[in-house]
Amino acid sequence: MQVAPGVHHFTGYKFNWYIVEEGDRLTVIDAGFPSHFRLFERGLESLGRAISDVEAIIITHAHADHTGFAARLSAASGAPIHVHEGDVPLVRRPLYLPWTGLLSRAWRPYTASMLSHAIGNGLLRLTTIPAPRPMRDADELDAPGRPRILHVPGHTPGDVAVHLPARGVLFSGDAMVTRNLYTGRDGGPQLTSRTLNGDFEQARRSLDRLADLGPVVLLPGHGRPWVGDTRDAVAANLPAARR
């Protein structure tokens, strides 16, 4: 589904990834689970694209539901995998997820269904990402869409959002989502639940990095696209004293 000019949203059940087109060149942002590669191939075909058109792969953070088929895609396309330097050590841990938060809520039907889908779609077959290319805050990558990297630590140490200023698009990864991962309810931009963050208070402080981006199409790692001003999205997630 095209969600902005030259930006396409793909979803594997409850997990999102995206393609950015620039001419005949592509950037892929996040990579689901290993078995989602088949959906990705069908998506490329529907766009009249080929794997050889992929020039860059950006991972918003090192959790397994975002790294899934990245290594396979890199091997097939020759595209580098960009990961923030804070998460480079973590992408060497293929089963890296917020396990305490997930397993403690596995009694919830929505969370249980996510875990079941993850296992059924290759979680236990994940491999490490070879030779990740480190990113830093404020980097502008020489890649289709000219993505600008915004470091928003908290969910993981190297969590990033990816901004396309010329297109008014913000890929928020899990820094802000639009679906509660415990209840499955859709809503506006929100932090993931406290127990799904490595450092919840840091994750909330990091939202300041996104406050002044203005009107955007916000594309999260989980949930539906959202259109609005980032100042409103950030304010809704701050303590009342800071609003």
C-alpha atoms as a PDB file:
ATOM      1  CA  MET A   1       0.000   0.000   0.000  1.00  0.00           C
ATOM      2  CA  GLN A   2       1.389   3.384  -0.979  1.00  0.00           C
ATOM      3  CA  VAL A   3       1.170   5.678   2.056  1.00  0.00           C
ATOM      4  CA  ALA A   4       3.119   8.676   0.718  1.00  0.00           C
ATOM      5  CA  PRO A   5       4.704   9.520  -2.639  1.00  0.00           C
ATOM      6  CA  GLY A   6       7.116   6.687  -3.378  1.00  0.00           C
ATOM      7  CA  VAL A   7       6.676   5.119   0.071  1.00  0.00           C
ATOM      8  CA  HIS A   8       5.054   1.700   0.457  1.00  0.00           C
ATOM      9  CA  HIS A   9       3.820  -0.008   3.619  1.00  0.00           C
ATOM     10  CA  PHE A  10       3.987  -3.782   3.985  1.00  0.00           C
ATOM     11  CA  THR A  11       2.793  -5.809   6.928  1.00  0.00           C
ATOM     12  CA  GLY A  12       3.330  -9.381   8.008  1.00  0.00           C
ATOM     13  CA  TYR A  13       0.388  -9.983  10.341  1.00  0.00           C
ATOM     14  CA  LYS A  14       1.182  -7.423  13.097  1.00  0.00           C
ATOM     15  CA  PHE A  15       4.675  -6.365  12.006  1.00  0.00           C
ATOM     16  CA  ASN A  16       5.416  -3.548   9.542  1.00  0.00           C
ATOM     17  CA  TRP A  17       8.222  -2.785   7.127  1.00  0.00           C
ATOM     18  CA  TYR A  18       8.531  -0.234   4.346  1.00  0.00           C
ATOM     19  CA  ILE A  19      10.016   0.495   0.923  1.00  0.00           C
ATOM     20  CA  VAL A  20      11.149   3.931  -0.283  1.00  0.00           C
ATOM     21  CA  GLU A  21      11.432   4.446  -4.033  1.00  0.00           C
ATOM     22  CA  GLU A  22      13.679   6.977  -5.745  1.00  0.00           C
ATOM     23  CA  GLY A  23      13.695   6.436  -9.487  1.00  0.00           C
ATOM     24  CA  ASP A  24      14.563   2.789  -9.954  1.00  0.00           C
ATOM     25  CA  ARG A  25      16.388   2.561  -6.609  1.00  0.00           C
ATOM     26  CA  LEU A  26      14.964   1.335  -3.294  1.00  0.00           C
ATOM     27  CA  THR A  27      15.600   1.682   0.427  1.00  0.00           C
ATOM     28  CA  VAL A  28      14.047  -0.941   2.720  1.00  0.00           C
ATOM     29  CA  ILE A  29      13.252   0.059   6.298  1.00  0.00           C
ATOM     30  CA  ASP A  30      12.988  -2.849   8.747  1.00  0.00           C
ATOM     31  CA  ALA A  31      12.585  -6.484   7.809  1.00  0.00           C
ATOM     32  CA  GLY A  32       9.927  -8.402   9.738  1.00  0.00           C
ATOM     33  CA  PHE A  33      10.668 -12.090  10.439  1.00  0.00           C
ATOM     34  CA  PRO A  34      12.502 -14.522   8.124  1.00  0.00           C
ATOM     35  CA  SER A  35       9.362 -16.029   6.544  1.00  0.00           C
ATOM     36  CA  HIS A  36       8.104 -12.539   5.676  1.00  0.00           C
ATOM     37  CA  PHE A  37      10.676 -12.538   2.883  1.00  0.00           C
ATOM     38  CA  ARG A  38       8.097 -14.219   0.661  1.00  0.00           C
ATOM     39  CA  LEU A  39       5.658 -11.345   1.273  1.00  0.00           C
ATOM     40  CA  PHE A  40       8.446  -8.907   0.531  1.00  0.00           C
ATOM     41  CA  GLU A  41       9.199 -10.607  -2.800  1.00  0.00           C
ATOM     42  CA  ARG A  42       5.523 -10.509  -3.783  1.00  0.00           C
ATOM     43  CA  GLY A  43       5.419  -6.833  -2.820  1.00  0.00           C
ATOM     44  CA  LEU A  44       8.402  -6.054  -5.013  1.00  0.00           C
ATOM     45  CA  GLU A  45       6.770  -7.909  -7.888  1.00  0.00           C
ATOM     46  CA  SER A  46       3.568  -5.897  -7.463  1.00  0.00           C
ATOM     47  CA  LEU A  47       5.624  -2.716  -7.771  1.00  0.00           C
ATOM     48  CA  GLY A  48       7.443  -3.972 -10.845  1.00  0.00           C
ATOM     49  CA  ARG A  49      10.701  -4.040  -8.881  1.00  0.00           C
ATOM     50  CA  ALA A  50      13.438  -6.606  -8.352  1.00  0.00           C
ATOM     51  CA  ILE A  51      15.669  -7.447  -5.403  1.00  0.00           C
ATOM     52  CA  SER A  52      18.606  -6.018  -7.353  1.00  0.00           C
ATOM     53  CA  ASP A  53      16.931  -2.577  -7.084  1.00  0.00           C
ATOM     54  CA  VAL A  54      17.487  -2.514  -3.293  1.00  0.00           C
ATOM     55  CA  GLU A  55      20.426  -0.237  -2.470  1.00  0.00           C
ATOM     56  CA  ALA A  56      20.084   0.170   1.291  1.00  0.00           C
ATOM     57  CA  ILE A  57      18.505  -1.590   4.273  1.00  0.00           C
ATOM     58  CA  ILE A  58      17.885   0.435   7.438  1.00  0.00           C
ATOM     59  CA  ILE A  59      17.084  -1.273  10.736  1.00  0.00           C
ATOM     60  CA  THR A  60      15.344   1.044  13.213  1.00  0.00           C
ATOM     61  CA  HIS A  61      16.434  -1.115  16.155  1.00  0.00           C
ATOM     62  CA  ALA A  62      17.832  -4.539  16.917  1.00  0.00           C
ATOM     63  CA  HIS A  63      14.699  -6.411  18.010  1.00  0.00           C
ATOM     64  CA  ALA A  64      14.145  -9.634  16.088  1.00  0.00           C
ATOM     65  CA  ASP A  65      10.826  -8.509  14.559  1.00  0.00           C
ATOM     66  CA  HIS A  66      12.717  -5.760  12.702  1.00  0.00           C
ATOM     67  CA  THR A  67      15.859  -7.627  11.631  1.00  0.00           C
ATOM     68  CA  GLY A  68      14.232 -10.834  10.325  1.00  0.00           C
ATOM     69  CA  PHE A  69      15.028 -11.126   6.630  1.00  0.00           C
ATOM     70  CA  ALA A  70      17.647  -8.340   6.495  1.00  0.00           C
ATOM     71  CA  ALA A  71      20.635 -10.675   6.190  1.00  0.00           C
ATOM     72  CA  ARG A  72      18.959 -12.679   3.418  1.00  0.00           C
ATOM     73  CA  LEU A  73      18.008  -9.523   1.530  1.00  0.00           C
ATOM     74  CA  SER A  74      21.512  -8.109   1.885  1.00  0.00           C
ATOM     75  CA  ALA A  75      23.055 -11.305   0.541  1.00  0.00           C
ATOM     76  CA  ALA A  76      20.660 -11.347  -2.425  1.00  0.00           C
ATOM     77  CA  SER A  77      20.907  -7.641  -3.312  1.00  0.00           C
ATOM     78  CA  GLY A  78      24.370  -6.625  -2.134  1.00  0.00           C
ATOM     79  CA  ALA A  79      22.794  -3.762  -0.171  1.00  0.00           C
ATOM     80  CA  PRO A  80      24.435  -2.740   3.125  1.00  0.00           C
ATOM     81  CA  ILE A  81      22.504  -3.038   6.389  1.00  0.00           C
ATOM     82  CA  HIS A  82      22.565   0.223   8.370  1.00  0.00           C
ATOM     83  CA  VAL A  83      22.208  -0.053  12.171  1.00  0.00           C
ATOM     84  CA  HIS A  84      22.791   2.638  14.787  1.00  0.00           C
ATOM     85  CA  GLU A  85      26.132   2.177  16.510  1.00  0.00           C
ATOM     86  CA  GLY A  86      24.341   1.677  19.844  1.00  0.00           C
ATOM     87  CA  ASP A  87      22.576  -1.427  18.539  1.00  0.00           C
ATOM     88  CA  VAL A  88      25.445  -2.924  16.536  1.00  0.00           C
ATOM     89  CA  PRO A  89      26.372  -5.319  19.387  1.00  0.00           C
ATOM     90  CA  LEU A  90      22.707  -6.299  19.766  1.00  0.00           C
ATOM     91  CA  VAL A  91      22.137  -7.362  16.151  1.00  0.00           C
ATOM     92  CA  ARG A  92      24.699 -10.063  16.886  1.00  0.00           C
ATOM     93  CA  ARG A  93      22.101 -11.579  19.254  1.00  0.00           C
ATOM     94  CA  PRO A  94      19.505 -13.003  16.836  1.00  0.00           C
ATOM     95  CA  LEU A  95      16.853 -13.725  19.482  1.00  0.00           C
ATOM     96  CA  TYR A  96      17.022 -10.217  20.936  1.00  0.00           C
ATOM     97  CA  LEU A  97      13.550  -9.149  22.092  1.00  0.00           C
ATOM     98  CA  PRO A  98      12.051  -7.648  25.302  1.00  0.00           C
ATOM     99  CA  TRP A  99      11.380 -11.163  26.581  1.00  0.00           C
ATOM    100  CA  THR A 100      10.447 -10.200  30.142  1.00  0.00           C
ATOM    101  CA  GLY A 101       7.741  -7.835  28.955  1.00  0.00           C
ATOM    102  CA  LEU A 102       6.420 -10.275  26.369  1.00  0.00           C
ATOM    103  CA  LEU A 103       6.392 -13.439  28.458  1.00  0.00           C
ATOM    104  CA  SER A 104       4.904 -11.695  31.497  1.00  0.00           C
ATOM    105  CA  ARG A 105       1.913 -10.734  29.317  1.00  0.00           C
ATOM    106  CA  ALA A 106       1.731 -13.936  27.273  1.00  0.00           C
ATOM    107  CA  TRP A 107      -1.620 -14.656  28.924  1.00  0.00           C
ATOM    108  CA  ARG A 108      -3.082 -11.785  26.882  1.00  0.00           C
ATOM    109  CA  PRO A 109      -4.544 -13.099  23.598  1.00  0.00           C
ATOM    110  CA  TYR A 110      -2.972 -10.395  21.433  1.00  0.00           C
ATOM    111  CA  THR A 111       0.509 -10.786  22.895  1.00  0.00           C
ATOM    112  CA  ALA A 112       0.231 -14.585  22.704  1.00  0.00           C
ATOM    113  CA  SER A 113      -0.748 -14.342  19.046  1.00  0.00           C
ATOM    114  CA  MET A 114       2.291 -12.173  18.318  1.00  0.00           C
ATOM    115  CA  LEU A 115       4.609 -14.682  19.957  1.00  0.00           C
ATOM    116  CA  SER A 116       2.977 -17.557  18.098  1.00  0.00           C
ATOM    117  CA  HIS A 117       3.332 -15.724  14.792  1.00  0.00           C
ATOM    118  CA  ALA A 118       6.964 -14.918  15.536  1.00  0.00           C
ATOM    119  CA  ILE A 119       7.842 -18.563  16.183  1.00  0.00           C
ATOM    120  CA  GLY A 120       5.849 -19.767  13.197  1.00  0.00           C
ATOM    121  CA  ASN A 121       7.587 -17.284  10.909  1.00  0.00           C
ATOM    122  CA  GLY A 122      11.184 -18.045  11.710  1.00  0.00           C
ATOM    123  CA  LEU A 123      12.102 -16.410  15.002  1.00  0.00           C
ATOM    124  CA  LEU A 124      14.101 -19.479  16.009  1.00  0.00           C
ATOM    125  CA  ARG A 125      15.855 -19.544  12.623  1.00  0.00           C
ATOM    126  CA  LEU A 126      17.197 -16.011  12.828  1.00  0.00           C
ATOM    127  CA  THR A 127      20.877 -15.483  12.125  1.00  0.00           C
ATOM    128  CA  THR A 128      23.112 -12.578  13.030  1.00  0.00           C
ATOM    129  CA  ILE A 129      23.431  -9.587  10.715  1.00  0.00           C
ATOM    130  CA  PRO A 130      26.788  -9.677   8.941  1.00  0.00           C
ATOM    131  CA  ALA A 131      28.908  -6.518   8.860  1.00  0.00           C
ATOM    132  CA  PRO A 132      26.283  -3.965   9.966  1.00  0.00           C
ATOM    133  CA  ARG A 133      27.172  -0.456   8.831  1.00  0.00           C
ATOM    134  CA  PRO A 134      27.027   1.853  11.891  1.00  0.00           C
ATOM    135  CA  MET A 135      24.843   4.969  11.816  1.00  0.00           C
ATOM    136  CA  ARG A 136      24.943   7.998  14.100  1.00  0.00           C
ATOM    137  CA  ASP A 137      22.480  10.687  15.086  1.00  0.00           C
ATOM    138  CA  ALA A 138      21.832  13.273  12.344  1.00  0.00           C
ATOM    139  CA  ASP A 139      23.452  11.146   9.629  1.00  0.00           C
ATOM    140  CA  GLU A 140      21.950  11.689   6.191  1.00  0.00           C
ATOM    141  CA  LEU A 141      22.472   8.476   4.306  1.00  0.00           C
ATOM    142  CA  ASP A 142      23.484   8.385   0.677  1.00  0.00           C
ATOM    143  CA  ALA A 143      20.526   6.139  -0.091  1.00  0.00           C
ATOM    144  CA  PRO A 144      17.215   6.407  -1.945  1.00  0.00           C
ATOM    145  CA  GLY A 145      15.021   9.000  -0.225  1.00  0.00           C
ATOM    146  CA  ARG A 146      18.001  10.688   1.466  1.00  0.00           C
ATOM    147  CA  PRO A 147      16.943   9.320   4.890  1.00  0.00           C
ATOM    148  CA  ARG A 148      17.986  11.342   7.937  1.00  0.00           C
ATOM    149  CA  ILE A 149      18.700   9.381  11.107  1.00  0.00           C
ATOM    150  CA  LEU A 150      17.345  10.561  14.473  1.00  0.00           C
ATOM    151  CA  HIS A 151      18.683   8.734  17.523  1.00  0.00           C
ATOM    152  CA  VAL A 152      15.847   8.093  20.009  1.00  0.00           C
ATOM    153  CA  PRO A 153      17.280   5.671  22.602  1.00  0.00           C
ATOM    154  CA  GLY A 154      15.163   3.998  25.246  1.00  0.00           C
ATOM    155  CA  HIS A 155      13.316   1.183  23.527  1.00  0.00           C
ATOM    156  CA  THR A 156      16.834  -0.067  22.741  1.00  0.00           C
ATOM    157  CA  PRO A 157      20.150   1.799  23.140  1.00  0.00           C
ATOM    158  CA  GLY A 158      20.425   2.400  19.403  1.00  0.00           C
ATOM    159  CA  ASP A 159      16.775   2.950  18.540  1.00  0.00           C
ATOM    160  CA  VAL A 160      16.302   5.399  15.667  1.00  0.00           C
ATOM    161  CA  ALA A 161      13.554   7.137  13.762  1.00  0.00           C
ATOM    162  CA  VAL A 162      14.099   7.748  10.051  1.00  0.00           C
ATOM    163  CA  HIS A 163      12.987  11.072   8.592  1.00  0.00           C
ATOM    164  CA  LEU A 164      12.435  11.904   4.937  1.00  0.00           C
ATOM    165  CA  PRO A 165      12.151  15.712   5.205  1.00  0.00           C
ATOM    166  CA  ALA A 166      11.428  16.296   1.519  1.00  0.00           C
ATOM    167  CA  ARG A 167       8.468  13.905   1.646  1.00  0.00           C
ATOM    168  CA  GLY A 168       7.150  14.694   5.128  1.00  0.00           C
ATOM    169  CA  VAL A 169       7.502  11.068   6.226  1.00  0.00           C
ATOM    170  CA  LEU A 170       8.725   9.762   9.573  1.00  0.00           C
ATOM    171  CA  PHE A 171       9.401   6.069  10.143  1.00  0.00           C
ATOM    172  CA  SER A 172       9.119   5.838  13.914  1.00  0.00           C
ATOM    173  CA  GLY A 173       9.979   2.160  14.370  1.00  0.00           C
ATOM    174  CA  ASP A 174       8.996   1.348  17.949  1.00  0.00           C
ATOM    175  CA  ALA A 175       9.903   4.760  19.358  1.00  0.00           C
ATOM    176  CA  MET A 176       6.201   5.496  18.800  1.00  0.00           C
ATOM    177  CA  VAL A 177       3.637   2.970  17.608  1.00  0.00           C
ATOM    178  CA  THR A 178      -0.081   3.250  16.935  1.00  0.00           C
ATOM    179  CA  ARG A 179      -1.120  -0.130  18.345  1.00  0.00           C
ATOM    180  CA  ASN A 180      -0.954  -1.307  21.927  1.00  0.00           C
ATOM    181  CA  LEU A 181       1.107  -4.501  21.858  1.00  0.00           C
ATOM    182  CA  TYR A 182      -0.668  -5.976  24.872  1.00  0.00           C
ATOM    183  CA  THR A 183      -4.285  -5.267  23.922  1.00  0.00           C
ATOM    184  CA  GLY A 184      -4.070  -4.923  20.135  1.00  0.00           C
ATOM    185  CA  ARG A 185      -6.044  -1.663  20.250  1.00  0.00           C
ATOM    186  CA  ASP A 186      -5.287   0.920  17.574  1.00  0.00           C
ATOM    187  CA  GLY A 187      -4.903   4.573  18.502  1.00  0.00           C
ATOM    188  CA  GLY A 188      -2.727   7.618  18.071  1.00  0.00           C
ATOM    189  CA  PRO A 189       1.069   7.676  18.348  1.00  0.00           C
ATOM    190  CA  GLN A 190       2.149   6.184  21.667  1.00  0.00           C
ATOM    191  CA  LEU A 191       5.157   4.833  23.455  1.00  0.00           C
ATOM    192  CA  THR A 192       5.288   1.072  23.693  1.00  0.00           C
ATOM    193  CA  SER A 193       4.324  -0.206  27.142  1.00  0.00           C
ATOM    194  CA  ARG A 194       6.804   0.416  29.934  1.00  0.00           C
ATOM    195  CA  THR A 195       7.849  -3.240  30.223  1.00  0.00           C
ATOM    196  CA  LEU A 196       8.677  -3.432  26.504  1.00  0.00           C
ATOM    197  CA  ASN A 197      11.298  -0.696  26.762  1.00  0.00           C
ATOM    198  CA  GLY A 198      14.861  -1.131  27.897  1.00  0.00           C
ATOM    199  CA  ASP A 199      14.600   2.295  29.591  1.00  0.00           C
ATOM    200  CA  PHE A 200      11.085   3.715  29.525  1.00  0.00           C
ATOM    201  CA  GLU A 201      11.957   7.167  30.916  1.00  0.00           C
ATOM    202  CA  GLN A 202      14.769   7.533  28.401  1.00  0.00           C
ATOM    203  CA  ALA A 203      12.370   6.523  25.639  1.00  0.00           C
ATOM    204  CA  ARG A 204      10.003   9.275  26.741  1.00  0.00           C
ATOM    205  CA  ARG A 205      12.791  11.876  26.950  1.00  0.00           C
ATOM    206  CA  SER A 206      13.929  10.891  23.466  1.00  0.00           C
ATOM    207  CA  LEU A 207      10.613  12.026  22.010  1.00  0.00           C
ATOM    208  CA  ASP A 208      11.922  15.593  22.272  1.00  0.00           C
ATOM    209  CA  ARG A 209      14.116  14.699  19.300  1.00  0.00           C
ATOM    210  CA  LEU A 210      10.962  14.361  17.184  1.00  0.00           C
ATOM    211  CA  ALA A 211       8.906  17.286  18.454  1.00  0.00           C
ATOM    212  CA  ASP A 212       9.898  19.901  15.890  1.00  0.00           C
ATOM    213  CA  LEU A 213       9.570  17.928  12.666  1.00  0.00           C
ATOM    214  CA  GLY A 214       6.164  19.401  11.894  1.00  0.00           C
ATOM    215  CA  PRO A 215       3.420  17.725   9.833  1.00  0.00           C
ATOM    216  CA  VAL A 216       4.301  14.155   8.874  1.00  0.00           C
ATOM    217  CA  VAL A 217       2.962  10.841   7.777  1.00  0.00           C
ATOM    218  CA  LEU A 218       4.116   8.755  10.734  1.00  0.00           C
ATOM    219  CA  LEU A 219       4.829   5.137   9.861  1.00  0.00           C
ATOM    220  CA  PRO A 220       5.265   2.922  12.930  1.00  0.00           C
ATOM    221  CA  GLY A 221       6.690  -0.531  13.445  1.00  0.00           C
ATOM    222  CA  HIS A 222       3.293  -1.677  14.727  1.00  0.00           C
ATOM    223  CA  GLY A 223      -0.106  -0.265  13.834  1.00  0.00           C
ATOM    224  CA  ARG A 224      -1.552   1.967  11.171  1.00  0.00           C
ATOM    225  CA  PRO A 225      -0.055   5.084   9.570  1.00  0.00           C
ATOM    226  CA  TRP A 226      -0.904   8.359  11.311  1.00  0.00           C
ATOM    227  CA  VAL A 227      -1.033  11.853   9.826  1.00  0.00           C
ATOM    228  CA  GLY A 228      -0.483  14.917  11.984  1.00  0.00           C
ATOM    229  CA  ASP A 229       2.044  17.219  13.622  1.00  0.00           C
ATOM    230  CA  THR A 230       4.831  15.592  15.596  1.00  0.00           C
ATOM    231  CA  ARG A 231       4.452  18.182  18.342  1.00  0.00           C
ATOM    232  CA  ASP A 232       0.967  16.845  19.050  1.00  0.00           C
ATOM    233  CA  ALA A 233       2.185  13.230  18.905  1.00  0.00           C
ATOM    234  CA  VAL A 234       4.979  13.939  21.380  1.00  0.00           C
ATOM    235  CA  ALA A 235       2.843  16.055  23.736  1.00  0.00           C
ATOM    236  CA  ALA A 236       0.320  13.240  24.082  1.00  0.00           C
ATOM    237  CA  ASN A 237       3.063  11.037  25.562  1.00  0.00           C
ATOM    238  CA  LEU A 238       4.548  13.492  28.047  1.00  0.00           C
ATOM    239  CA  PRO A 239       3.704  13.857  31.742  1.00  0.00           C
ATOM    240  CA  ALA A 240       1.125  16.567  32.314  1.00  0.00           C
ATOM    241  CA  ALA A 241       3.738  18.868  33.891  1.00  0.00           C
ATOM    242  CA  ARG A 242       5.722  18.960  30.660  1.00  0.00           C
ATOM    243  CA  ARG A 243       2.834  19.527  28.234  1.00  0.00           C
END
